[in-house]
Amino acid sequence: MDTHTPAAEDVDLDTLRDLNHAYLQSVLNGDVDCFRRILAEDFLCSNPDGGLLDKRQFLERTAGPRPLARLTGDDVRIRVLGDIAIIHAATRYTTLDGQDGRGRYTDVWQKRGGTWLAVSAHVTRL
């Protein structure tokens, strides 16, 4: 019988990989309900235009018209630092009008009450 249990950090990495994927899919599909669950109440997002959105504003923007036909994350690097995790990744996207683009993002997650929540995001476009 295998009594091996995954280390807490391995479980956290798997959870954070899943959350990162859910975050990207929610951006692509305008999934406000998913964001309500995974964003902390004090979440802040720095946008490429220099704007800063709180959770309410971010959800409102997410509920608006979706600008992307495709969004992928590459070169995903997850660092777990106790109850804080930082995710760095590159993005490639295609807008609904067919324009291709790329960028990077850095998301900060915090484990609160046993649940990982996004507390900060910073998005750039190249």
N, C-alpha and C. Protein backbone atom coordinates (compact mmCIF):
# COMPACT_ATOMS: atom_id res chain seq x y z
N MET A 1 0.84 -1.17 0.00
CA MET A 1 0.00 0.00 0.00
C MET A 1 0.89 1.24 0.00
N ASP A 2 0.58 2.18 -0.88
CA ASP A 2 1.33 3.43 -0.97
C ASP A 2 0.81 4.41 0.06
N THR A 3 1.65 4.77 1.01
CA THR A 3 1.23 5.71 2.05
C THR A 3 1.79 7.09 1.80
N HIS A 4 2.36 7.29 0.60
CA HIS A 4 2.93 8.59 0.26
C HIS A 4 1.81 9.63 0.16
N THR A 5 2.00 10.72 0.85
CA THR A 5 1.08 11.85 0.69
C THR A 5 1.88 13.01 0.12
N PRO A 6 1.30 13.73 -0.80
CA PRO A 6 2.05 14.83 -1.41
C PRO A 6 2.39 15.89 -0.38
N ALA A 7 3.57 16.45 -0.53
CA ALA A 7 3.99 17.53 0.35
C ALA A 7 3.05 18.72 0.15
N ALA A 8 2.90 19.50 1.21
CA ALA A 8 2.00 20.66 1.15
C ALA A 8 2.38 21.58 0.00
N GLU A 9 3.68 21.76 -0.23
CA GLU A 9 4.10 22.66 -1.32
C GLU A 9 3.68 22.11 -2.68
N ASP A 10 3.75 20.76 -2.87
CA ASP A 10 3.30 20.16 -4.13
C ASP A 10 1.81 20.38 -4.34
N VAL A 11 1.03 20.22 -3.27
CA VAL A 11 -0.41 20.45 -3.35
C VAL A 11 -0.68 21.91 -3.68
N ASP A 12 0.05 22.83 -3.02
CA ASP A 12 -0.11 24.24 -3.29
C ASP A 12 0.24 24.56 -4.75
N LEU A 13 1.32 23.99 -5.26
CA LEU A 13 1.71 24.24 -6.65
C LEU A 13 0.63 23.76 -7.61
N ASP A 14 0.09 22.57 -7.37
CA ASP A 14 -1.00 22.06 -8.22
C ASP A 14 -2.21 22.97 -8.15
N THR A 15 -2.57 23.40 -6.95
CA THR A 15 -3.72 24.30 -6.77
C THR A 15 -3.48 25.62 -7.50
N LEU A 16 -2.29 26.18 -7.34
CA LEU A 16 -1.97 27.45 -7.98
C LEU A 16 -1.93 27.33 -9.50
N ARG A 17 -1.46 26.21 -10.03
CA ARG A 17 -1.49 25.99 -11.48
C ARG A 17 -2.94 26.00 -11.97
N ASP A 18 -3.82 25.31 -11.22
CA ASP A 18 -5.24 25.28 -11.59
C ASP A 18 -5.86 26.67 -11.50
N LEU A 19 -5.53 27.41 -10.45
CA LEU A 19 -6.07 28.76 -10.29
C LEU A 19 -5.57 29.69 -11.39
N ASN A 20 -4.31 29.56 -11.76
CA ASN A 20 -3.75 30.37 -12.84
C ASN A 20 -4.51 30.09 -14.14
N HIS A 21 -4.76 28.82 -14.42
CA HIS A 21 -5.51 28.45 -15.62
C HIS A 21 -6.93 29.03 -15.56
N ALA A 22 -7.58 28.90 -14.39
CA ALA A 22 -8.94 29.43 -14.23
C ALA A 22 -8.96 30.94 -14.42
N TYR A 23 -7.93 31.62 -13.93
CA TYR A 23 -7.84 33.08 -14.07
C TYR A 23 -7.79 33.46 -15.55
N LEU A 24 -6.90 32.81 -16.30
CA LEU A 24 -6.77 33.10 -17.74
C LEU A 24 -8.07 32.81 -18.48
N GLN A 25 -8.69 31.67 -18.18
CA GLN A 25 -9.95 31.32 -18.84
C GLN A 25 -11.05 32.30 -18.49
N SER A 26 -11.03 32.81 -17.26
CA SER A 26 -12.03 33.78 -16.84
C SER A 26 -11.85 35.11 -17.55
N VAL A 27 -10.59 35.51 -17.80
CA VAL A 27 -10.33 36.72 -18.59
C VAL A 27 -10.89 36.51 -20.00
N LEU A 28 -10.57 35.38 -20.59
CA LEU A 28 -10.97 35.10 -21.97
C LEU A 28 -12.49 35.04 -22.11
N ASN A 29 -13.15 34.39 -21.15
CA ASN A 29 -14.59 34.12 -21.26
C ASN A 29 -15.48 35.08 -20.49
N GLY A 30 -14.89 36.05 -19.79
CA GLY A 30 -15.69 36.99 -19.01
C GLY A 30 -16.42 36.33 -17.85
N ASP A 31 -15.76 35.39 -17.18
CA ASP A 31 -16.38 34.61 -16.11
C ASP A 31 -16.32 35.37 -14.77
N VAL A 32 -17.28 36.23 -14.56
CA VAL A 32 -17.35 37.05 -13.35
C VAL A 32 -17.52 36.18 -12.11
N ASP A 33 -18.32 35.12 -12.21
CA ASP A 33 -18.56 34.25 -11.04
C ASP A 33 -17.26 33.60 -10.56
N CYS A 34 -16.44 33.15 -11.48
CA CYS A 34 -15.15 32.56 -11.08
C CYS A 34 -14.30 33.60 -10.39
N PHE A 35 -14.22 34.80 -10.97
CA PHE A 35 -13.43 35.86 -10.34
C PHE A 35 -13.96 36.23 -8.96
N ARG A 36 -15.26 36.22 -8.78
CA ARG A 36 -15.81 36.52 -7.44
C ARG A 36 -15.26 35.55 -6.40
N ARG A 37 -15.06 34.29 -6.81
CA ARG A 37 -14.57 33.26 -5.89
C ARG A 37 -13.07 33.34 -5.65
N ILE A 38 -12.28 33.69 -6.68
CA ILE A 38 -10.83 33.57 -6.55
C ILE A 38 -10.11 34.88 -6.25
N LEU A 39 -10.82 36.01 -6.33
CA LEU A 39 -10.20 37.29 -6.00
C LEU A 39 -10.50 37.66 -4.56
N ALA A 40 -9.48 38.13 -3.85
CA ALA A 40 -9.67 38.62 -2.48
C ALA A 40 -10.50 39.90 -2.53
N GLU A 41 -11.17 40.21 -1.45
CA GLU A 41 -11.98 41.44 -1.41
C GLU A 41 -11.11 42.68 -1.59
N ASP A 42 -9.84 42.62 -1.17
CA ASP A 42 -8.94 43.77 -1.31
C ASP A 42 -8.05 43.68 -2.55
N PHE A 43 -8.45 42.87 -3.53
CA PHE A 43 -7.72 42.69 -4.78
C PHE A 43 -7.54 44.02 -5.52
N LEU A 44 -6.35 44.20 -6.10
CA LEU A 44 -6.05 45.35 -6.96
C LEU A 44 -5.35 44.86 -8.22
N CYS A 45 -5.68 45.48 -9.35
CA CYS A 45 -5.08 45.12 -10.62
C CYS A 45 -4.52 46.36 -11.30
N SER A 46 -3.23 46.32 -11.63
CA SER A 46 -2.59 47.37 -12.43
C SER A 46 -2.69 46.98 -13.89
N ASN A 47 -3.30 47.83 -14.68
CA ASN A 47 -3.52 47.56 -16.10
C ASN A 47 -2.41 48.15 -16.96
N PRO A 48 -2.29 47.66 -18.20
CA PRO A 48 -1.26 48.18 -19.11
C PRO A 48 -1.36 49.69 -19.35
N ASP A 49 -2.57 50.25 -19.24
CA ASP A 49 -2.74 51.69 -19.47
C ASP A 49 -2.39 52.52 -18.24
N GLY A 50 -1.94 51.88 -17.17
CA GLY A 50 -1.58 52.58 -15.95
C GLY A 50 -2.70 52.70 -14.95
N GLY A 51 -3.89 52.25 -15.32
CA GLY A 51 -5.03 52.30 -14.40
C GLY A 51 -4.93 51.25 -13.31
N LEU A 52 -5.56 51.54 -12.19
CA LEU A 52 -5.59 50.61 -11.06
C LEU A 52 -7.06 50.31 -10.76
N LEU A 53 -7.41 49.02 -10.81
CA LEU A 53 -8.79 48.60 -10.57
C LEU A 53 -8.89 47.84 -9.26
N ASP A 54 -9.93 48.14 -8.48
CA ASP A 54 -10.21 47.31 -7.31
C ASP A 54 -11.09 46.14 -7.77
N LYS A 55 -11.49 45.28 -6.86
CA LYS A 55 -12.24 44.09 -7.23
C LYS A 55 -13.55 44.45 -7.93
N ARG A 56 -14.29 45.40 -7.39
CA ARG A 56 -15.57 45.78 -7.99
C ARG A 56 -15.37 46.26 -9.42
N GLN A 57 -14.40 47.13 -9.62
CA GLN A 57 -14.13 47.67 -10.95
C GLN A 57 -13.65 46.57 -11.91
N PHE A 58 -12.84 45.66 -11.39
CA PHE A 58 -12.33 44.56 -12.20
C PHE A 58 -13.49 43.66 -12.65
N LEU A 59 -14.41 43.37 -11.73
CA LEU A 59 -15.57 42.54 -12.08
C LEU A 59 -16.46 43.25 -13.11
N GLU A 60 -16.64 44.55 -12.95
CA GLU A 60 -17.43 45.31 -13.92
C GLU A 60 -16.80 45.25 -15.30
N ARG A 61 -15.49 45.40 -15.36
CA ARG A 61 -14.80 45.34 -16.66
C ARG A 61 -14.91 43.92 -17.24
N THR A 62 -14.78 42.92 -16.40
CA THR A 62 -14.88 41.53 -16.85
C THR A 62 -16.27 41.25 -17.41
N ALA A 63 -17.31 41.85 -16.83
CA ALA A 63 -18.68 41.63 -17.28
C ALA A 63 -18.97 42.34 -18.60
N GLY A 64 -18.12 43.28 -18.99
CA GLY A 64 -18.32 44.03 -20.22
C GLY A 64 -18.00 43.20 -21.45
N PRO A 65 -18.02 43.84 -22.60
CA PRO A 65 -17.70 43.13 -23.85
C PRO A 65 -16.30 42.50 -23.77
N ARG A 66 -16.21 41.28 -24.24
CA ARG A 66 -14.93 40.57 -24.23
C ARG A 66 -14.12 40.95 -25.46
N PRO A 67 -12.88 41.39 -25.26
CA PRO A 67 -12.08 41.83 -26.41
C PRO A 67 -11.22 40.74 -27.04
N LEU A 68 -11.12 39.56 -26.40
CA LEU A 68 -10.16 38.56 -26.87
C LEU A 68 -10.83 37.33 -27.46
N ALA A 69 -10.23 36.83 -28.53
CA ALA A 69 -10.66 35.57 -29.13
C ALA A 69 -9.80 34.42 -28.61
N ARG A 70 -8.57 34.75 -28.18
CA ARG A 70 -7.63 33.72 -27.71
C ARG A 70 -6.72 34.35 -26.67
N LEU A 71 -6.38 33.57 -25.65
CA LEU A 71 -5.43 33.99 -24.62
C LEU A 71 -4.73 32.76 -24.06
N THR A 72 -3.40 32.77 -24.11
CA THR A 72 -2.64 31.67 -23.54
C THR A 72 -1.55 32.21 -22.63
N GLY A 73 -1.18 31.42 -21.65
CA GLY A 73 -0.08 31.74 -20.76
C GLY A 73 1.07 30.78 -20.99
N ASP A 74 2.27 31.32 -21.12
CA ASP A 74 3.47 30.51 -21.35
C ASP A 74 4.53 30.92 -20.34
N ASP A 75 5.56 30.11 -20.24
CA ASP A 75 6.67 30.42 -19.34
C ASP A 75 6.14 30.77 -17.94
N VAL A 76 5.21 29.94 -17.46
CA VAL A 76 4.58 30.17 -16.16
C VAL A 76 5.56 29.75 -15.06
N ARG A 77 5.84 30.68 -14.17
CA ARG A 77 6.74 30.41 -13.05
C ARG A 77 6.00 30.72 -11.76
N ILE A 78 5.89 29.71 -10.91
CA ILE A 78 5.16 29.85 -9.65
C ILE A 78 6.16 29.70 -8.50
N ARG A 79 6.17 30.72 -7.65
CA ARG A 79 7.01 30.68 -6.45
C ARG A 79 6.12 30.75 -5.23
N VAL A 80 6.24 29.74 -4.37
CA VAL A 80 5.48 29.72 -3.12
C VAL A 80 6.42 30.16 -2.00
N LEU A 81 6.03 31.23 -1.31
CA LEU A 81 6.82 31.81 -0.23
C LEU A 81 5.97 31.82 1.03
N GLY A 82 5.81 30.65 1.63
CA GLY A 82 4.94 30.53 2.80
C GLY A 82 3.49 30.63 2.37
N ASP A 83 2.78 31.62 2.93
CA ASP A 83 1.37 31.78 2.57
C ASP A 83 1.16 32.80 1.44
N ILE A 84 2.26 33.15 0.77
CA ILE A 84 2.22 34.04 -0.40
C ILE A 84 2.77 33.27 -1.60
N ALA A 85 2.16 33.47 -2.75
CA ALA A 85 2.68 32.89 -3.99
C ALA A 85 2.70 33.98 -5.06
N ILE A 86 3.73 33.94 -5.89
CA ILE A 86 3.87 34.88 -6.99
C ILE A 86 3.92 34.07 -8.28
N ILE A 87 3.07 34.47 -9.22
CA ILE A 87 3.04 33.80 -10.52
C ILE A 87 3.44 34.81 -11.59
N HIS A 88 4.49 34.47 -12.32
CA HIS A 88 4.95 35.27 -13.47
C HIS A 88 4.66 34.45 -14.72
N ALA A 89 4.20 35.10 -15.78
CA ALA A 89 3.97 34.37 -17.03
C ALA A 89 3.96 35.34 -18.20
N ALA A 90 4.19 34.77 -19.37
CA ALA A 90 4.06 35.50 -20.63
C ALA A 90 2.70 35.15 -21.21
N THR A 91 2.13 36.10 -21.96
CA THR A 91 0.86 35.83 -22.61
C THR A 91 0.98 36.06 -24.10
N ARG A 92 0.13 35.35 -24.81
CA ARG A 92 -0.09 35.58 -26.24
C ARG A 92 -1.60 35.63 -26.40
N TYR A 93 -2.05 36.58 -27.20
CA TYR A 93 -3.49 36.73 -27.36
C TYR A 93 -3.83 37.18 -28.77
N THR A 94 -5.08 36.97 -29.12
CA THR A 94 -5.63 37.47 -30.36
C THR A 94 -6.93 38.19 -30.01
N THR A 95 -7.06 39.42 -30.49
CA THR A 95 -8.28 40.18 -30.24
C THR A 95 -9.39 39.69 -31.17
N LEU A 96 -10.62 40.08 -30.87
CA LEU A 96 -11.75 39.67 -31.71
C LEU A 96 -11.62 40.18 -33.13
N ASP A 97 -10.89 41.28 -33.33
CA ASP A 97 -10.70 41.79 -34.70
C ASP A 97 -9.44 41.23 -35.37
N GLY A 98 -8.85 40.18 -34.75
CA GLY A 98 -7.75 39.46 -35.40
C GLY A 98 -6.36 39.97 -35.13
N GLN A 99 -6.18 40.94 -34.25
CA GLN A 99 -4.85 41.46 -33.93
C GLN A 99 -4.16 40.54 -32.92
N ASP A 100 -2.94 40.13 -33.23
CA ASP A 100 -2.16 39.32 -32.30
C ASP A 100 -1.34 40.22 -31.39
N GLY A 101 -1.16 39.79 -30.17
CA GLY A 101 -0.35 40.54 -29.22
C GLY A 101 0.27 39.62 -28.20
N ARG A 102 1.12 40.21 -27.41
CA ARG A 102 1.76 39.45 -26.32
C ARG A 102 2.00 40.39 -25.16
N GLY A 103 2.26 39.80 -24.01
CA GLY A 103 2.50 40.58 -22.81
C GLY A 103 3.04 39.71 -21.71
N ARG A 104 3.00 40.23 -20.51
CA ARG A 104 3.41 39.48 -19.31
C ARG A 104 2.46 39.88 -18.19
N TYR A 105 2.39 39.00 -17.20
CA TYR A 105 1.64 39.35 -16.00
C TYR A 105 2.34 38.78 -14.78
N THR A 106 2.08 39.43 -13.67
CA THR A 106 2.53 38.96 -12.36
C THR A 106 1.31 39.01 -11.46
N ASP A 107 0.95 37.86 -10.91
CA ASP A 107 -0.15 37.76 -9.97
C ASP A 107 0.39 37.37 -8.61
N VAL A 108 -0.14 37.98 -7.57
CA VAL A 108 0.23 37.65 -6.20
C VAL A 108 -0.99 37.00 -5.54
N TRP A 109 -0.75 35.85 -4.94
CA TRP A 109 -1.80 35.09 -4.26
C TRP A 109 -1.44 34.97 -2.79
N GLN A 110 -2.46 34.92 -1.95
CA GLN A 110 -2.24 34.72 -0.52
C GLN A 110 -3.18 33.62 -0.04
N LYS A 111 -2.64 32.75 0.79
CA LYS A 111 -3.46 31.69 1.38
C LYS A 111 -4.12 32.26 2.63
N ARG A 112 -5.44 32.39 2.55
CA ARG A 112 -6.22 32.95 3.65
C ARG A 112 -7.25 31.91 4.10
N GLY A 113 -7.18 31.52 5.36
CA GLY A 113 -8.12 30.52 5.86
C GLY A 113 -8.06 29.23 5.08
N GLY A 114 -6.87 28.87 4.60
CA GLY A 114 -6.68 27.62 3.86
C GLY A 114 -7.01 27.71 2.38
N THR A 115 -7.40 28.89 1.89
CA THR A 115 -7.78 29.07 0.50
C THR A 115 -6.87 30.10 -0.17
N TRP A 116 -6.37 29.76 -1.35
CA TRP A 116 -5.56 30.70 -2.12
C TRP A 116 -6.47 31.71 -2.81
N LEU A 117 -6.18 32.99 -2.62
CA LEU A 117 -6.93 34.08 -3.25
C LEU A 117 -5.96 35.04 -3.93
N ALA A 118 -6.34 35.53 -5.10
CA ALA A 118 -5.54 36.53 -5.80
C ALA A 118 -5.71 37.86 -5.09
N VAL A 119 -4.60 38.47 -4.70
CA VAL A 119 -4.64 39.75 -4.00
C VAL A 119 -4.14 40.89 -4.89
N SER A 120 -3.39 40.56 -5.94
CA SER A 120 -2.82 41.60 -6.79
C SER A 120 -2.51 41.02 -8.17
N ALA A 121 -2.67 41.87 -9.17
CA ALA A 121 -2.29 41.50 -10.54
C ALA A 121 -1.66 42.71 -11.21
N HIS A 122 -0.66 42.44 -12.04
CA HIS A 122 -0.02 43.50 -12.81
C HIS A 122 0.13 42.97 -14.23
N VAL A 123 -0.43 43.70 -15.19
CA VAL A 123 -0.47 43.24 -16.58
C VAL A 123 0.28 44.23 -17.46
N THR A 124 1.13 43.71 -18.35
CA THR A 124 1.80 44.55 -19.34
C THR A 124 1.52 43.99 -20.72
N ARG A 125 1.61 44.85 -21.71
CA ARG A 125 1.52 44.43 -23.11
C ARG A 125 2.78 44.91 -23.80
N LEU A 126 3.31 44.06 -24.64
CA LEU A 126 4.55 44.39 -25.36
C LEU A 126 4.26 44.81 -26.78
